[in-house]
Amino acid sequence: MMRSKEEPMRLGTGHVYDASAPKQRINMTLNEDLVRVARDYTDNLSDYVEKLLASAIEMERRSKLADQEHWDRVCASWTEFHEKHGCVADDHIGDYLPEDRVP
């Protein structure tokens, strides 16, 4: 299932993942008391865990997207500053270059 990075994934509708994909048996180790408590909330632990995992993936995807957008804005800001004022290091680079290479 292909979608753009900007398109939001909708939970519970099969848009986070291909809900029609075949089920796969896996071996998981979970805290036995946690499983007991979870069974108070659901009769279908597999479905419950699947929905929680899809929700966690969506939160992680949104977090990574927000982080990338933040750093894109930071880079754009530095580029704008550099275009307006030049490189900050230009005023000091002569202090670190051999005398015959000072600009």
N, C-alpha and C. Protein backbone atom coordinates (compact mmCIF):
# COMPACT_ATOMS: atom_id res chain seq x y z
N MET A 1 0.85 -1.17 0.00
CA MET A 1 0.00 0.00 0.00
C MET A 1 0.90 1.23 0.00
N MET A 2 0.85 2.02 -1.05
CA MET A 2 1.69 3.20 -1.17
C MET A 2 0.87 4.43 -0.78
N ARG A 3 1.50 5.35 -0.06
CA ARG A 3 0.88 6.61 0.29
C ARG A 3 1.97 7.63 0.44
N SER A 4 1.60 8.89 0.33
CA SER A 4 2.61 9.94 0.47
C SER A 4 2.96 10.10 1.94
N LYS A 5 4.13 10.71 2.18
CA LYS A 5 4.57 10.94 3.56
C LYS A 5 3.62 11.87 4.29
N GLU A 6 3.00 12.80 3.57
CA GLU A 6 2.14 13.79 4.20
C GLU A 6 0.74 13.24 4.50
N GLU A 7 0.35 12.21 3.79
CA GLU A 7 -1.00 11.66 3.98
C GLU A 7 -1.09 11.03 5.36
N PRO A 8 -2.06 11.46 6.17
CA PRO A 8 -2.15 10.88 7.52
C PRO A 8 -2.62 9.44 7.48
N MET A 9 -2.10 8.64 8.39
CA MET A 9 -2.55 7.26 8.50
C MET A 9 -3.73 7.25 9.47
N ARG A 10 -4.78 6.58 9.10
CA ARG A 10 -5.96 6.53 9.95
C ARG A 10 -6.01 5.20 10.69
N LEU A 11 -6.07 5.28 12.00
CA LEU A 11 -6.08 4.07 12.83
C LEU A 11 -7.44 3.40 12.80
N GLY A 12 -7.44 2.11 12.93
CA GLY A 12 -8.67 1.36 13.02
C GLY A 12 -9.37 1.15 11.69
N THR A 13 -8.79 1.67 10.62
CA THR A 13 -9.42 1.53 9.31
C THR A 13 -8.54 0.74 8.35
N GLY A 14 -7.40 0.27 8.83
CA GLY A 14 -6.50 -0.47 7.98
C GLY A 14 -5.58 0.42 7.16
N HIS A 15 -5.53 1.72 7.45
CA HIS A 15 -4.69 2.63 6.68
C HIS A 15 -3.30 2.78 7.27
N VAL A 16 -3.07 2.28 8.46
CA VAL A 16 -1.73 2.30 9.04
C VAL A 16 -0.91 1.19 8.41
N TYR A 17 -1.57 0.15 8.05
CA TYR A 17 -0.95 -1.04 7.48
C TYR A 17 -2.00 -1.73 6.63
N ASP A 18 -1.59 -2.73 5.90
CA ASP A 18 -2.54 -3.47 5.06
C ASP A 18 -3.31 -4.44 5.94
N ALA A 19 -4.51 -4.06 6.34
CA ALA A 19 -5.32 -4.87 7.24
C ALA A 19 -5.75 -6.18 6.61
N SER A 20 -5.67 -6.28 5.28
CA SER A 20 -6.07 -7.51 4.62
C SER A 20 -4.90 -8.49 4.45
N ALA A 21 -3.70 -8.06 4.87
CA ALA A 21 -2.55 -8.97 4.78
C ALA A 21 -2.79 -10.18 5.67
N PRO A 22 -2.25 -11.34 5.28
CA PRO A 22 -2.46 -12.52 6.12
C PRO A 22 -1.83 -12.35 7.50
N LYS A 23 -2.40 -13.00 8.47
CA LYS A 23 -1.86 -12.98 9.83
C LYS A 23 -0.63 -13.89 9.89
N GLN A 24 0.30 -13.51 10.73
CA GLN A 24 1.52 -14.31 10.90
C GLN A 24 1.67 -14.64 12.37
N ARG A 25 1.89 -15.91 12.64
CA ARG A 25 2.16 -16.32 14.02
C ARG A 25 3.55 -15.87 14.40
N ILE A 26 3.65 -15.25 15.57
CA ILE A 26 4.96 -14.87 16.09
C ILE A 26 5.05 -15.33 17.53
N ASN A 27 6.24 -15.38 18.02
CA ASN A 27 6.46 -15.77 19.40
C ASN A 27 6.85 -14.51 20.17
N MET A 28 6.02 -14.13 21.14
CA MET A 28 6.30 -12.95 21.96
C MET A 28 6.36 -13.36 23.41
N THR A 29 7.18 -12.65 24.13
CA THR A 29 7.24 -12.86 25.57
C THR A 29 6.73 -11.59 26.23
N LEU A 30 5.65 -11.72 26.99
CA LEU A 30 5.05 -10.58 27.67
C LEU A 30 4.94 -10.88 29.16
N ASN A 31 4.97 -9.83 29.94
CA ASN A 31 4.79 -9.96 31.38
C ASN A 31 3.44 -10.60 31.65
N GLU A 32 3.46 -11.68 32.40
CA GLU A 32 2.23 -12.46 32.61
C GLU A 32 1.16 -11.67 33.34
N ASP A 33 1.55 -10.81 34.29
CA ASP A 33 0.55 -10.00 34.99
C ASP A 33 -0.03 -8.94 34.05
N LEU A 34 0.79 -8.39 33.16
CA LEU A 34 0.30 -7.43 32.18
C LEU A 34 -0.73 -8.08 31.26
N VAL A 35 -0.48 -9.31 30.85
CA VAL A 35 -1.43 -10.04 30.00
C VAL A 35 -2.74 -10.25 30.76
N ARG A 36 -2.64 -10.59 32.03
CA ARG A 36 -3.84 -10.80 32.86
C ARG A 36 -4.66 -9.51 32.92
N VAL A 37 -4.00 -8.39 33.16
CA VAL A 37 -4.70 -7.10 33.23
C VAL A 37 -5.31 -6.76 31.87
N ALA A 38 -4.56 -6.98 30.80
CA ALA A 38 -5.07 -6.68 29.45
C ALA A 38 -6.31 -7.49 29.13
N ARG A 39 -6.37 -8.71 29.59
CA ARG A 39 -7.54 -9.56 29.32
C ARG A 39 -8.80 -9.03 30.00
N ASP A 40 -8.63 -8.16 31.01
CA ASP A 40 -9.79 -7.49 31.61
C ASP A 40 -10.42 -6.49 30.62
N TYR A 41 -9.65 -6.07 29.63
CA TYR A 41 -10.12 -5.07 28.68
C TYR A 41 -10.46 -5.64 27.31
N THR A 42 -10.03 -6.85 27.03
CA THR A 42 -10.30 -7.42 25.72
C THR A 42 -10.33 -8.94 25.77
N ASP A 43 -11.15 -9.50 24.89
CA ASP A 43 -11.16 -10.95 24.72
C ASP A 43 -10.22 -11.37 23.60
N ASN A 44 -9.78 -10.40 22.80
CA ASN A 44 -8.93 -10.68 21.65
C ASN A 44 -7.61 -9.93 21.83
N LEU A 45 -6.68 -10.55 22.54
CA LEU A 45 -5.41 -9.91 22.85
C LEU A 45 -4.61 -9.60 21.59
N SER A 46 -4.65 -10.48 20.61
CA SER A 46 -3.91 -10.24 19.37
C SER A 46 -4.39 -8.97 18.68
N ASP A 47 -5.69 -8.82 18.57
CA ASP A 47 -6.25 -7.62 17.94
C ASP A 47 -5.91 -6.37 18.75
N TYR A 48 -5.98 -6.48 20.06
CA TYR A 48 -5.69 -5.37 20.96
C TYR A 48 -4.23 -4.92 20.77
N VAL A 49 -3.32 -5.88 20.78
CA VAL A 49 -1.90 -5.57 20.61
C VAL A 49 -1.65 -5.01 19.21
N GLU A 50 -2.32 -5.54 18.20
CA GLU A 50 -2.16 -5.05 16.83
C GLU A 50 -2.56 -3.58 16.73
N LYS A 51 -3.68 -3.21 17.36
CA LYS A 51 -4.13 -1.82 17.33
C LYS A 51 -3.19 -0.92 18.12
N LEU A 52 -2.69 -1.39 19.25
CA LEU A 52 -1.74 -0.60 20.02
C LEU A 52 -0.44 -0.40 19.25
N LEU A 53 0.01 -1.43 18.56
CA LEU A 53 1.23 -1.34 17.76
C LEU A 53 1.03 -0.36 16.61
N ALA A 54 -0.12 -0.42 15.95
CA ALA A 54 -0.42 0.51 14.87
C ALA A 54 -0.44 1.94 15.40
N SER A 55 -1.00 2.15 16.57
CA SER A 55 -1.04 3.47 17.19
C SER A 55 0.36 3.96 17.52
N ALA A 56 1.19 3.10 18.05
CA ALA A 56 2.57 3.47 18.38
C ALA A 56 3.35 3.82 17.12
N ILE A 57 3.13 3.07 16.06
CA ILE A 57 3.82 3.34 14.79
C ILE A 57 3.38 4.70 14.25
N GLU A 58 2.09 5.01 14.33
CA GLU A 58 1.59 6.30 13.86
C GLU A 58 2.20 7.44 14.68
N MET A 59 2.26 7.29 15.99
CA MET A 59 2.86 8.33 16.83
C MET A 59 4.33 8.52 16.48
N GLU A 60 5.05 7.44 16.26
CA GLU A 60 6.46 7.51 15.89
C GLU A 60 6.62 8.18 14.52
N ARG A 61 5.76 7.84 13.58
CA ARG A 61 5.83 8.45 12.25
C ARG A 61 5.61 9.96 12.34
N ARG A 62 4.61 10.36 13.11
CA ARG A 62 4.33 11.80 13.27
C ARG A 62 5.49 12.51 13.96
N SER A 63 6.08 11.87 14.96
CA SER A 63 7.20 12.45 15.66
C SER A 63 8.39 12.65 14.73
N LYS A 64 8.69 11.64 13.91
CA LYS A 64 9.81 11.75 12.97
C LYS A 64 9.54 12.81 11.92
N LEU A 65 8.31 12.90 11.46
CA LEU A 65 7.94 13.91 10.48
C LEU A 65 8.09 15.31 11.08
N ALA A 66 7.62 15.49 12.32
CA ALA A 66 7.74 16.79 12.99
C ALA A 66 9.21 17.14 13.21
N ASP A 67 10.02 16.15 13.57
CA ASP A 67 11.45 16.37 13.77
C ASP A 67 12.11 16.79 12.46
N GLN A 68 11.77 16.13 11.37
CA GLN A 68 12.34 16.48 10.07
C GLN A 68 11.92 17.88 9.66
N GLU A 69 10.65 18.23 9.90
CA GLU A 69 10.17 19.57 9.56
C GLU A 69 10.91 20.62 10.39
N HIS A 70 11.17 20.33 11.66
CA HIS A 70 11.92 21.25 12.52
C HIS A 70 13.32 21.49 11.94
N TRP A 71 14.03 20.42 11.61
CA TRP A 71 15.39 20.58 11.10
C TRP A 71 15.40 21.21 9.71
N ASP A 72 14.37 21.00 8.92
CA ASP A 72 14.25 21.68 7.63
C ASP A 72 14.15 23.20 7.84
N ARG A 73 13.35 23.60 8.86
CA ARG A 73 13.22 25.03 9.17
C ARG A 73 14.54 25.60 9.70
N VAL A 74 15.24 24.84 10.53
CA VAL A 74 16.54 25.29 11.05
C VAL A 74 17.52 25.51 9.89
N CYS A 75 17.59 24.54 8.97
CA CYS A 75 18.50 24.66 7.83
C CYS A 75 18.12 25.84 6.94
N ALA A 76 16.84 26.03 6.71
CA ALA A 76 16.38 27.16 5.90
C ALA A 76 16.75 28.47 6.57
N SER A 77 16.63 28.54 7.89
CA SER A 77 16.97 29.75 8.63
C SER A 77 18.46 30.05 8.52
N TRP A 78 19.31 29.03 8.67
CA TRP A 78 20.75 29.23 8.52
C TRP A 78 21.10 29.64 7.10
N THR A 79 20.45 29.05 6.12
CA THR A 79 20.70 29.42 4.73
C THR A 79 20.33 30.88 4.49
N GLU A 80 19.18 31.29 5.02
CA GLU A 80 18.75 32.68 4.88
C GLU A 80 19.74 33.62 5.56
N PHE A 81 20.19 33.26 6.75
CA PHE A 81 21.18 34.08 7.46
C PHE A 81 22.47 34.18 6.64
N HIS A 82 22.93 33.05 6.12
CA HIS A 82 24.17 33.03 5.34
C HIS A 82 24.04 33.90 4.09
N GLU A 83 22.90 33.83 3.42
CA GLU A 83 22.68 34.64 2.22
C GLU A 83 22.65 36.13 2.54
N LYS A 84 22.11 36.51 3.72
CA LYS A 84 22.03 37.91 4.12
C LYS A 84 23.35 38.45 4.65
N HIS A 85 24.02 37.65 5.50
CA HIS A 85 25.15 38.16 6.27
C HIS A 85 26.47 37.49 5.94
N GLY A 86 26.44 36.47 5.11
CA GLY A 86 27.67 35.73 4.81
C GLY A 86 27.95 34.71 5.90
N CYS A 87 29.08 34.05 5.75
CA CYS A 87 29.45 33.00 6.69
C CYS A 87 29.99 33.60 7.98
N VAL A 88 29.50 33.17 9.11
CA VAL A 88 29.92 33.66 10.41
C VAL A 88 31.41 33.44 10.61
N ALA A 89 31.94 32.36 10.10
CA ALA A 89 33.35 32.02 10.31
C ALA A 89 34.30 32.88 9.48
N ASP A 90 33.79 33.53 8.44
CA ASP A 90 34.68 34.31 7.57
C ASP A 90 35.48 35.35 8.33
N ASP A 91 34.88 35.96 9.35
CA ASP A 91 35.59 36.99 10.13
C ASP A 91 36.70 36.42 10.99
N HIS A 92 36.68 35.12 11.23
CA HIS A 92 37.63 34.52 12.16
C HIS A 92 38.54 33.46 11.53
N ILE A 93 38.27 33.11 10.30
CA ILE A 93 39.01 32.00 9.71
C ILE A 93 40.50 32.32 9.56
N GLY A 94 40.84 33.59 9.38
CA GLY A 94 42.24 33.97 9.26
C GLY A 94 43.05 33.64 10.50
N ASP A 95 42.38 33.55 11.64
CA ASP A 95 43.09 33.21 12.89
C ASP A 95 43.59 31.78 12.89
N TYR A 96 43.06 30.95 12.02
CA TYR A 96 43.37 29.52 12.05
C TYR A 96 44.09 29.02 10.80
N LEU A 97 44.25 29.89 9.81
CA LEU A 97 44.92 29.49 8.57
C LEU A 97 46.37 29.98 8.58
N PRO A 98 47.25 29.28 7.88
CA PRO A 98 48.61 29.78 7.75
C PRO A 98 48.58 31.17 7.08
N GLU A 99 49.55 32.01 7.40
CA GLU A 99 49.56 33.39 6.92
C GLU A 99 49.48 33.48 5.39
N ASP A 100 50.09 32.52 4.69
CA ASP A 100 50.07 32.59 3.23
C ASP A 100 48.71 32.16 2.63
N ARG A 101 47.78 31.71 3.48
CA ARG A 101 46.47 31.27 2.98
C ARG A 101 45.34 32.14 3.50
N VAL A 102 45.64 33.19 4.23
CA VAL A 102 44.59 34.07 4.76
C VAL A 102 43.90 34.77 3.60
N PRO A 103 42.57 34.73 3.56
CA PRO A 103 41.84 35.37 2.46
C PRO A 103 41.97 36.88 2.49
